[in-house]
Amino acid sequence: MQPTTSNNPISVGPVTLSEGKKIGGCYVLRQEVATGGRSPVWLASDEVLGKDVTLHFVPPAVVADSHAMAELRQEVKRNRQL
């Protein structure tokens, strides 16, 4: 996946990611900070909490793999405990 700028939006599944796009009703994408592996990571503003967050977008191939999604959920749970 190529790095993204506001002039070069990318699509992840049915969603096109670009600066200023609102995701999930409360996250406003500010800047792509990484394209590590297959999934982009964006800095976003959480309008509900009033703070910056990072959003990691899961590739469609991973979403379609129930085993991979179960492992990802476990990894997220472990990271939240840190």
Protein backbone atom coordinates (compact mmCIF):
# COMPACT_ATOMS: atom_id res chain seq x y z
CA MET A 1 0.00 0.00 0.00
CA GLN A 2 1.40 3.39 -0.93
CA PRO A 3 1.61 6.26 1.57
CA THR A 4 -1.35 8.59 1.44
CA THR A 5 -1.63 12.34 1.31
CA SER A 6 -4.81 14.38 1.19
CA ASN A 7 -4.42 14.40 -2.60
CA ASN A 8 -4.04 10.62 -2.78
CA PRO A 9 -6.84 8.91 -0.83
CA ILE A 10 -6.80 5.14 -0.47
CA SER A 11 -9.64 2.70 -0.20
CA VAL A 12 -9.88 0.04 2.50
CA GLY A 13 -12.75 -2.22 1.60
CA PRO A 14 -15.77 -0.03 0.98
CA VAL A 15 -14.25 2.99 2.80
CA THR A 16 -12.02 5.62 1.20
CA LEU A 17 -9.57 7.11 3.69
CA SER A 18 -8.51 10.74 3.33
CA GLU A 19 -7.75 13.70 5.59
CA GLY A 20 -10.91 15.24 7.04
CA LYS A 21 -13.04 12.10 6.56
CA LYS A 22 -15.25 11.21 9.54
CA ILE A 23 -15.19 7.54 10.53
CA GLY A 24 -17.49 5.84 13.02
CA GLY A 25 -19.45 9.00 13.68
CA CYS A 26 -16.81 10.58 15.93
CA TYR A 27 -13.30 10.12 14.49
CA VAL A 28 -11.98 12.71 12.04
CA LEU A 29 -8.93 11.52 10.11
CA ARG A 30 -6.04 13.97 10.37
CA GLN A 31 -2.96 12.28 8.91
CA GLU A 32 -1.80 8.83 7.86
CA VAL A 33 1.09 7.94 10.14
CA ALA A 34 1.98 4.43 8.94
CA THR A 35 1.22 1.87 6.30
CA GLY A 36 2.89 -0.93 8.23
CA GLY A 37 2.28 -4.26 6.62
CA ARG A 38 -1.10 -4.35 4.96
CA SER A 39 -3.07 -1.94 7.10
CA PRO A 40 -2.90 1.83 7.29
CA VAL A 41 -2.69 3.65 10.62
CA TRP A 42 -4.18 7.13 10.92
CA LEU A 43 -3.96 9.89 13.51
CA ALA A 44 -7.52 11.02 14.18
CA SER A 45 -9.39 13.40 16.44
CA ASP A 46 -11.99 11.79 18.69
CA GLU A 47 -14.77 14.37 18.82
CA VAL A 48 -16.46 12.69 21.80
CA LEU A 49 -13.40 12.40 24.04
CA GLY A 50 -11.75 15.55 22.71
CA LYS A 51 -8.37 13.92 22.18
CA ASP A 52 -6.16 12.42 19.48
CA VAL A 53 -6.26 8.68 18.84
CA THR A 54 -4.75 6.29 16.32
CA LEU A 55 -6.99 4.19 14.11
CA HIS A 56 -5.67 0.93 12.67
CA PHE A 57 -7.65 -0.28 9.66
CA VAL A 58 -7.95 -4.02 9.19
CA PRO A 59 -7.59 -5.28 5.61
CA PRO A 60 -10.63 -7.03 4.09
CA ALA A 61 -8.69 -10.32 3.80
CA VAL A 62 -8.16 -10.36 7.58
CA VAL A 63 -11.80 -9.46 8.27
CA ALA A 64 -12.87 -12.44 6.15
CA ASP A 65 -10.62 -14.83 8.14
CA SER A 66 -12.36 -15.75 11.42
CA HIS A 67 -9.16 -17.19 12.93
CA ALA A 68 -7.17 -14.04 12.10
CA MET A 69 -9.93 -11.84 13.56
CA ALA A 70 -9.98 -13.88 16.77
CA GLU A 71 -6.21 -13.45 17.12
CA LEU A 72 -6.52 -9.72 16.42
CA ARG A 73 -9.21 -9.33 19.08
CA GLN A 74 -6.97 -11.10 21.61
CA GLU A 75 -4.06 -8.83 20.70
CA VAL A 76 -6.24 -5.74 21.18
CA LYS A 77 -7.35 -7.01 24.60
CA ARG A 78 -3.72 -7.59 25.64
CA ASN A 79 -2.71 -4.10 24.47
CA ARG A 80 -5.55 -2.48 26.40
CA GLN A 81 -4.22 -4.04 29.59
CA LEU A 82 -0.82 -2.35 29.23
